[in-house]
């Protein structure tokens, strides 16, 4: 027996199917339109982003005993601190790329070539077991090569002598009292001479040691220069010696940077580094 569908019902079904198809097509178009807009927004945002690619050579990383890699950096007046679990790294790769992004322009400085920056990486294993040892690390300084394309910098590359130099200082003081002080604070004094840049209005100064990084913004540089006898801006940073990745030791390397548009030429950011030689005294460093 053949079931006959009334013409009106059949027409109604066709209308429903047609309307459903229109809805699906419209909905799909909306999804694609949103995706296109999101892609355009991302591209627009990326145009204003400065990118540094820190390339970590895994061949020189103790993948068995390291739990995570601590990355610390100062780029274009901004500080970075990031932990990368070893479990998240593809062991078949020779390198892991850490993308560090920041705005090309902020309230203090607009990035340009050849502004300086630094990136450090620490191999962190059993912190309690290795707490009093000198954590294996590497640091590298570089100049921005472009503001429209990523600048690459290598860490733990073969031939790096950064850790060896620190280890030599650490080892030569193992039997001295310098490394066994009860002080729980480490002070680092950063100096930024401005005799050649007396018109500077605003600065940011950053200091990093043992994966810990601090910054201070000087809103009114002119007011401080008026009180200064040597045209130098000075800031003292106090770090806890007991860090989450181990004790700060004699031999640990520290970095400092100063950023400001008024420092040009030659660079809007200048950086320097030094090795801790005595934990009982304030360590000093001229950042430019």
Protein backbone atom coordinates (compact mmCIF):
# COMPACT_ATOMS: atom_id res chain seq x y z
CA UNK A 1 0.00 0.00 0.00
CA UNK A 2 1.40 3.37 -1.03
CA UNK A 3 0.98 6.16 1.53
CA UNK A 4 -0.01 9.44 -0.10
CA UNK A 5 1.19 12.69 1.42
CA UNK A 6 -1.18 15.62 1.08
CA UNK A 7 0.17 18.35 -1.21
CA UNK A 8 -0.01 20.97 1.55
CA UNK A 9 2.00 18.78 3.96
CA UNK A 10 4.56 18.01 1.23
CA UNK A 11 4.98 21.70 0.48
CA UNK A 12 5.38 22.40 4.21
CA UNK A 13 8.14 19.78 4.48
CA UNK A 14 9.97 21.31 1.51
CA UNK A 15 9.80 24.75 3.14
CA UNK A 16 11.23 23.36 6.40
CA UNK A 17 14.10 21.58 4.62
CA UNK A 18 14.83 24.68 2.55
CA UNK A 19 14.82 26.90 5.65
CA UNK A 20 17.08 24.45 7.50
CA UNK A 21 19.57 24.49 4.66
CA UNK A 22 19.56 28.28 4.61
CA UNK A 23 20.17 28.29 8.38
CA UNK A 24 23.05 25.82 8.08
CA UNK A 25 24.63 27.76 5.24
CA UNK A 26 24.21 31.05 7.09
CA UNK A 27 25.60 29.54 10.28
CA UNK A 28 28.61 28.15 8.39
CA UNK A 29 29.20 31.53 6.81
CA UNK A 30 29.07 33.13 10.25
CA UNK A 31 31.63 30.63 11.61
CA UNK A 32 33.97 31.22 8.69
CA UNK A 33 33.47 34.98 8.94
CA UNK A 34 34.33 34.89 12.66
CA UNK A 35 37.41 32.78 11.96
CA UNK A 36 38.52 35.20 9.25
CA UNK A 37 38.01 38.13 11.61
CA UNK A 38 39.95 36.36 14.39
CA UNK A 39 42.77 35.65 11.94
CA UNK A 40 42.80 39.29 10.83
CA UNK A 41 42.81 40.48 14.46
CA UNK A 42 45.72 38.14 15.24
CA UNK A 43 47.68 39.36 12.23
CA UNK A 44 46.98 42.96 13.22
CA UNK A 45 48.11 42.29 16.79
CA UNK A 46 51.22 40.40 15.63
CA UNK A 47 52.21 43.45 13.57
CA UNK A 48 52.67 45.32 16.84
CA UNK A 49 54.56 42.49 18.56
CA UNK A 50 58.30 42.15 18.98
CA UNK A 51 59.45 38.52 18.93
CA UNK A 52 62.63 36.91 20.24
CA UNK A 53 63.04 33.17 19.69
CA UNK A 54 65.19 31.57 22.38
CA UNK A 55 66.49 28.33 20.87
CA UNK A 56 67.55 25.86 23.57
CA UNK A 57 69.96 23.14 22.45
CA UNK A 58 68.60 19.98 24.09
CA UNK A 59 71.80 18.03 23.37
CA UNK A 60 73.41 19.97 26.24
CA UNK A 61 70.46 19.65 28.62
CA UNK A 62 70.34 16.83 31.18
CA UNK A 63 66.94 15.53 30.05
CA UNK A 64 67.02 12.68 32.60
CA UNK A 65 67.53 14.71 35.77
CA UNK A 66 66.04 18.06 34.77
CA UNK A 67 62.41 18.61 35.77
CA UNK A 68 61.94 21.99 34.10
CA UNK A 69 63.87 24.77 32.39
CA UNK A 70 63.50 28.26 33.84
CA UNK A 71 63.77 31.01 31.22
CA UNK A 72 64.34 34.62 32.31
CA UNK A 73 64.77 37.56 29.97
CA UNK A 74 64.64 41.32 29.58
CA UNK A 75 63.48 42.60 26.18
CA UNK A 76 62.41 46.13 25.24
CA UNK A 77 61.86 47.25 28.82
CA UNK A 78 59.80 44.15 29.70
CA UNK A 79 60.80 41.25 31.95
CA UNK A 80 60.03 37.58 31.28
CA UNK A 81 60.02 34.51 33.52
CA UNK A 82 58.76 31.19 32.17
CA UNK A 83 59.06 27.54 33.26
CA UNK A 84 59.11 24.79 30.63
CA UNK A 85 58.40 21.29 32.01
CA UNK A 86 60.68 18.65 30.51
CA UNK A 87 57.62 16.42 30.17
CA UNK A 88 56.19 18.90 27.63
CA UNK A 89 59.24 18.69 25.34
CA UNK A 90 59.43 16.34 22.38
CA UNK A 91 62.50 14.24 23.22
CA UNK A 92 63.13 13.43 19.55
CA UNK A 93 63.95 17.06 18.81
CA UNK A 94 67.41 18.60 19.09
CA UNK A 95 66.10 22.04 20.01
CA UNK A 96 63.13 23.63 21.71
CA UNK A 97 62.05 27.08 20.64
CA UNK A 98 60.75 29.49 23.30
CA UNK A 99 58.88 32.40 21.74
CA UNK A 100 59.13 35.59 23.80
CA UNK A 101 56.69 38.27 22.69
CA UNK A 102 56.19 41.83 23.81
CA UNK A 103 54.83 45.08 22.39
CA UNK A 104 57.09 46.91 19.95
CA UNK A 105 56.13 50.14 21.70
CA UNK A 106 55.30 50.75 25.36
CA UNK A 107 55.18 53.77 27.67
CA UNK A 108 58.96 53.92 27.97
CA UNK A 109 60.61 52.72 24.80
CA UNK A 110 59.88 51.80 21.19
CA UNK A 111 61.95 48.86 19.98
CA UNK A 112 64.43 49.34 17.17
CA UNK A 113 67.63 47.81 15.91
CA UNK A 114 70.20 47.34 17.44
CA UNK A 115 68.59 47.46 20.91
CA UNK A 116 70.15 45.00 23.34
CA UNK A 117 68.47 42.21 25.32
CA UNK A 118 69.41 39.07 27.25
CA UNK A 119 67.93 35.63 27.81
CA UNK A 120 69.01 33.08 30.46
CA UNK A 121 67.94 29.47 30.96
CA UNK A 122 68.38 27.29 34.07
CA UNK A 123 68.19 23.49 34.25
CA UNK A 124 66.20 22.71 37.39
CA UNK A 125 66.21 19.18 38.76
CA UNK A 126 65.84 17.95 42.35
CA UNK A 127 65.88 21.34 44.08
CA UNK A 128 66.28 19.94 47.61
CA UNK A 129 69.14 17.67 46.58
CA UNK A 130 70.91 20.31 44.51
CA UNK A 131 69.92 23.31 46.64
CA UNK A 132 73.45 24.36 47.60
CA UNK A 133 75.06 23.61 44.26
CA UNK A 134 75.51 25.95 41.30
CA UNK A 135 72.55 25.32 39.00
CA UNK A 136 73.58 24.58 35.43
CA UNK A 137 72.59 27.53 33.28
CA UNK A 138 73.41 29.48 30.16
CA UNK A 139 72.90 33.13 29.26
CA UNK A 140 73.19 35.00 26.02
CA UNK A 141 73.01 38.65 25.06
CA UNK A 142 72.03 39.92 21.67
CA UNK A 143 70.95 42.86 19.55
CA UNK A 144 67.55 43.08 17.93
CA UNK A 145 68.00 42.32 14.25
CA UNK A 146 64.47 43.33 13.24
CA UNK A 147 61.19 44.54 14.69
CA UNK A 148 59.08 42.95 11.95
CA UNK A 149 60.71 39.50 12.05
CA UNK A 150 61.78 37.31 15.00
CA UNK A 151 65.31 37.64 16.36
CA UNK A 152 66.85 34.28 17.27
CA UNK A 153 69.26 33.64 20.14
CA UNK A 154 70.85 30.33 21.15
CA UNK A 155 71.22 28.81 24.62
CA UNK A 156 73.26 25.78 25.76
CA UNK A 157 74.95 25.75 22.39
CA UNK A 158 78.18 23.82 22.05
CA UNK A 159 81.11 26.08 22.80
CA UNK A 160 79.33 28.28 25.35
CA UNK A 161 81.68 29.09 28.25
CA UNK A 162 79.12 30.93 30.42
CA UNK A 163 78.59 28.15 32.95
CA UNK A 164 82.27 27.12 32.97
CA UNK A 165 83.32 30.65 33.97
CA UNK A 166 80.77 30.74 36.79
CA UNK A 167 81.71 27.25 37.91
CA UNK A 168 85.37 28.26 38.14
CA UNK A 169 84.52 31.15 40.48
CA UNK A 170 82.17 28.94 42.50
CA UNK A 171 84.74 26.13 42.77
CA UNK A 172 87.56 28.42 43.89
CA UNK A 173 85.41 29.62 46.81
CA UNK A 174 84.04 26.26 48.00
CA UNK A 175 86.40 26.13 50.97
CA UNK A 176 86.02 29.78 51.91
CA UNK A 177 83.44 31.39 54.15
CA UNK A 178 82.14 33.57 51.32
CA UNK A 179 79.67 30.91 50.17
CA UNK A 180 78.55 29.93 53.69
CA UNK A 181 77.22 33.25 54.90
CA UNK A 182 74.00 33.31 56.88
CA UNK A 183 72.71 36.32 54.97
CA UNK A 184 69.36 35.57 53.35
CA UNK A 185 69.48 38.61 51.05
CA UNK A 186 71.56 39.45 47.99
CA UNK A 187 71.82 43.10 46.95
CA UNK A 188 72.68 44.32 43.47
CA UNK A 189 73.21 48.01 42.71
CA UNK A 190 72.60 49.08 39.11
CA UNK A 191 73.98 52.37 37.83
CA UNK A 192 72.95 54.19 34.66
CA UNK A 193 75.30 57.12 33.87
CA UNK A 194 73.48 59.81 31.88
CA UNK A 195 76.13 62.50 31.41
CA UNK A 196 75.67 62.06 27.66
CA UNK A 197 71.86 61.86 27.91
CA UNK A 198 70.95 64.61 30.36
CA UNK A 199 67.61 65.20 28.65
CA UNK A 200 66.31 61.74 29.54
CA UNK A 201 62.81 61.88 31.00
CA UNK A 202 61.78 58.30 31.79
CA UNK A 203 63.61 54.99 32.27
CA UNK A 204 63.11 51.42 33.38
CA UNK A 205 65.94 49.46 35.01
CA UNK A 206 65.90 45.67 35.30
CA UNK A 207 68.11 43.20 37.17
CA UNK A 208 68.16 39.39 37.06
CA UNK A 209 69.96 36.70 39.04
CA UNK A 210 69.25 32.95 39.42
CA UNK A 211 66.09 33.15 37.33
CA UNK A 212 64.65 35.95 39.49
CA UNK A 213 64.04 39.30 37.80
CA UNK A 214 63.03 42.70 39.14
CA UNK A 215 62.36 46.03 37.45
CA UNK A 216 61.87 49.62 38.55
CA UNK A 217 60.44 52.49 36.52
CA UNK A 218 61.92 55.96 37.06
CA UNK A 219 59.04 58.25 36.15
CA UNK A 220 60.90 61.55 36.61
CA UNK A 221 64.54 61.13 35.66
CA UNK A 222 65.10 64.90 35.59
CA UNK A 223 64.14 65.25 39.26
CA UNK A 224 66.74 62.65 40.21
CA UNK A 225 69.43 64.11 37.98
CA UNK A 226 68.90 67.49 39.66
CA UNK A 227 69.90 65.88 42.96
CA UNK A 228 72.71 63.81 41.49
CA UNK A 229 76.35 64.92 41.66
CA UNK A 230 77.50 62.58 38.89
CA UNK A 231 74.50 62.51 36.50
CA UNK A 232 73.87 58.86 37.37
CA UNK A 233 70.60 57.11 38.14
CA UNK A 234 71.07 54.40 40.79
CA UNK A 235 68.83 51.59 41.97
CA UNK A 236 69.54 48.80 44.45
CA UNK A 237 67.62 45.54 44.02
CA UNK A 238 67.26 43.13 46.94
CA UNK A 239 66.82 39.44 46.11
CA UNK A 240 66.08 36.54 48.44
CA UNK A 241 69.15 34.31 48.44
CA UNK A 242 66.88 31.29 48.84
CA UNK A 243 65.12 31.06 45.49
CA UNK A 244 62.67 28.45 44.26
CA UNK A 245 65.37 26.95 42.04
CA UNK A 246 68.20 26.94 44.59
CA UNK A 247 70.54 29.19 46.58
CA UNK A 248 72.18 32.17 44.94
CA UNK A 249 75.88 31.29 45.06
CA UNK A 250 79.20 33.00 44.53
CA UNK A 251 79.72 32.42 40.81
CA UNK A 252 76.11 33.05 39.82
CA UNK A 253 75.82 35.49 36.96
CA UNK A 254 73.61 38.57 37.09
CA UNK A 255 72.38 40.83 34.31
CA UNK A 256 71.10 44.38 34.21
CA UNK A 257 69.43 46.49 31.52
CA UNK A 258 68.22 50.04 31.22
CA UNK A 259 65.60 51.13 28.68
CA UNK A 260 64.32 54.47 27.46
CA UNK A 261 63.71 56.20 24.14
CA UNK A 262 65.92 59.10 25.21
CA UNK A 263 68.97 56.81 25.34
CA UNK A 264 69.14 56.76 21.54
CA UNK A 265 71.41 56.86 19.74
CA UNK A 266 72.78 54.22 19.77
CA UNK A 267 70.23 51.96 21.57
CA UNK A 268 66.95 52.28 23.40
CA UNK A 269 67.96 49.35 25.64
CA UNK A 270 71.47 48.65 26.91
CA UNK A 271 72.51 45.60 28.96
CA UNK A 272 75.56 44.40 30.90
CA UNK A 273 76.45 41.39 33.05
CA UNK A 274 78.79 40.29 35.82
CA UNK A 275 79.50 37.37 38.19
CA UNK A 276 78.76 37.49 41.92
CA UNK A 277 82.08 37.49 43.81
CA UNK A 278 80.96 38.21 47.36
CA UNK A 279 77.54 37.63 48.92
CA UNK A 280 78.32 39.80 51.94
CA UNK A 281 78.68 42.97 49.90
CA UNK A 282 76.45 44.89 47.53
CA UNK A 283 77.35 43.87 43.97
CA UNK A 284 77.50 46.77 41.52
CA UNK A 285 77.07 47.00 37.78
CA UNK A 286 76.98 49.83 35.25
CA UNK A 287 74.12 48.98 32.89
CA UNK A 288 75.43 51.35 30.17
